[in-house]
Structure formats: structure tokens, C-alpha cells
């Protein structure tokens, strides 16, 4: 099931497959997640992952988050 979730940093909408998101999070943390937990995870779009702010706030502090691929970006035609 796909859902629109805003990027935590820039608020741009991202189209995320909740099942894929659950699998990714389960693999990286060796736990299972329920749907309520999925909405608490901070999702960062591929553009924001290139910024120094992202590196300082998420990578250096090892803050829990999910970096999204460019395919998740919602484009308006």
C-alpha cells in the first residue's frame, strides 16, 4: 500500500510503499514494526540527504530515520 508522506526536512511529499518501508526497517534494526510506528519514523527525501544539515543532524548523531530514494519523490506534471 502506497502512501504520501512528507519529507521531515523539506516537507515535500514522497510516495512511500509502506510494505517496503516495513521490510527495510525490520532488516536494519532486527525488529518488527506496526503501522503506527511507521508514521513516527522520520523520512528524508533523496535531495535532503545531500545537504550538510542532514549529515550533521542524522548521520553524525545516528538518529533513527529512513532515507528515501529518488523514486519516492512526487512530481507534478
Protein backbone atom coordinates (compact mmCIF):
# COMPACT_ATOMS: atom_id res chain seq x y z
CA UNK A 1 0.00 0.00 0.00
CA UNK A 2 1.46 3.35 -1.04
CA UNK A 3 1.00 6.49 0.96
CA UNK A 4 2.08 10.12 0.69
CA UNK A 5 4.45 11.07 3.48
CA UNK A 6 6.16 14.47 3.72
CA UNK A 7 9.94 14.67 3.97
CA UNK A 8 10.81 15.56 7.56
CA UNK A 9 13.27 18.24 6.48
CA UNK A 10 11.71 19.98 3.45
CA UNK A 11 8.06 18.80 3.78
CA UNK A 12 7.93 17.85 0.06
CA UNK A 13 5.53 14.90 -0.39
CA UNK A 14 7.05 11.46 -1.00
CA UNK A 15 5.19 8.40 -2.25
CA UNK A 16 6.22 5.54 0.02
CA UNK A 17 5.29 1.88 -0.16
CA UNK A 18 4.54 1.05 3.48
CA UNK A 19 5.30 -2.65 2.99
CA UNK A 20 8.76 -1.90 1.54
CA UNK A 21 9.35 0.61 4.32
CA UNK A 22 8.46 -2.02 6.93
CA UNK A 23 10.84 -4.56 5.37
CA UNK A 24 13.70 -2.08 5.22
CA UNK A 25 13.25 -1.01 8.84
CA UNK A 26 12.92 -4.59 10.03
CA UNK A 27 16.16 -5.58 8.28
CA UNK A 28 18.16 -2.65 9.63
CA UNK A 29 17.00 -2.92 13.23
CA UNK A 30 16.13 -6.63 13.52
CA UNK A 31 12.66 -5.85 14.85
CA UNK A 32 9.11 -5.77 13.57
CA UNK A 33 7.09 -2.59 13.22
CA UNK A 34 3.40 -1.92 13.34
CA UNK A 35 1.67 0.70 11.21
CA UNK A 36 1.60 3.29 14.00
CA UNK A 37 5.37 3.05 14.29
CA UNK A 38 5.81 3.65 10.55
CA UNK A 39 4.24 7.09 10.87
CA UNK A 40 6.68 8.01 13.66
CA UNK A 41 9.79 7.28 11.59
CA UNK A 42 11.39 10.38 10.11
CA UNK A 43 11.60 10.03 6.33
CA UNK A 44 14.17 12.09 4.47
CA UNK A 45 13.95 12.64 0.70
CA UNK A 46 16.92 12.00 -1.59
CA UNK A 47 17.51 15.74 -2.11
CA UNK A 48 17.78 16.45 1.61
CA UNK A 49 20.20 13.54 2.12
CA UNK A 50 22.74 15.51 0.07
CA UNK A 51 22.73 18.51 2.43
CA UNK A 52 25.17 19.25 5.25
CA UNK A 53 22.22 19.71 7.63
CA UNK A 54 21.19 16.09 7.06
CA UNK A 55 24.70 14.83 7.65
CA UNK A 56 25.01 16.80 10.89
CA UNK A 57 21.57 16.01 12.28
CA UNK A 58 21.08 12.39 11.21
CA UNK A 59 24.34 10.72 10.26
CA UNK A 60 26.70 12.11 12.88
CA UNK A 61 24.17 11.67 15.69
CA UNK A 62 22.99 8.31 14.30
CA UNK A 63 19.39 9.47 14.68
CA UNK A 64 16.81 6.90 13.56
CA UNK A 65 15.39 7.76 10.14
CA UNK A 66 14.71 6.35 6.69
CA UNK A 67 16.47 7.84 3.66
CA UNK A 68 14.19 7.62 0.64
CA UNK A 69 15.26 7.05 -2.96
CA UNK A 70 14.63 9.49 -5.81
CA UNK A 71 11.78 7.22 -6.99
CA UNK A 72 9.72 8.25 -3.96
CA UNK A 73 9.58 11.91 -5.00
CA UNK A 74 6.15 13.13 -6.09
CA UNK A 75 6.35 15.08 -9.33
CA UNK A 76 3.60 17.33 -10.67
CA UNK A 77 3.23 17.39 -14.46
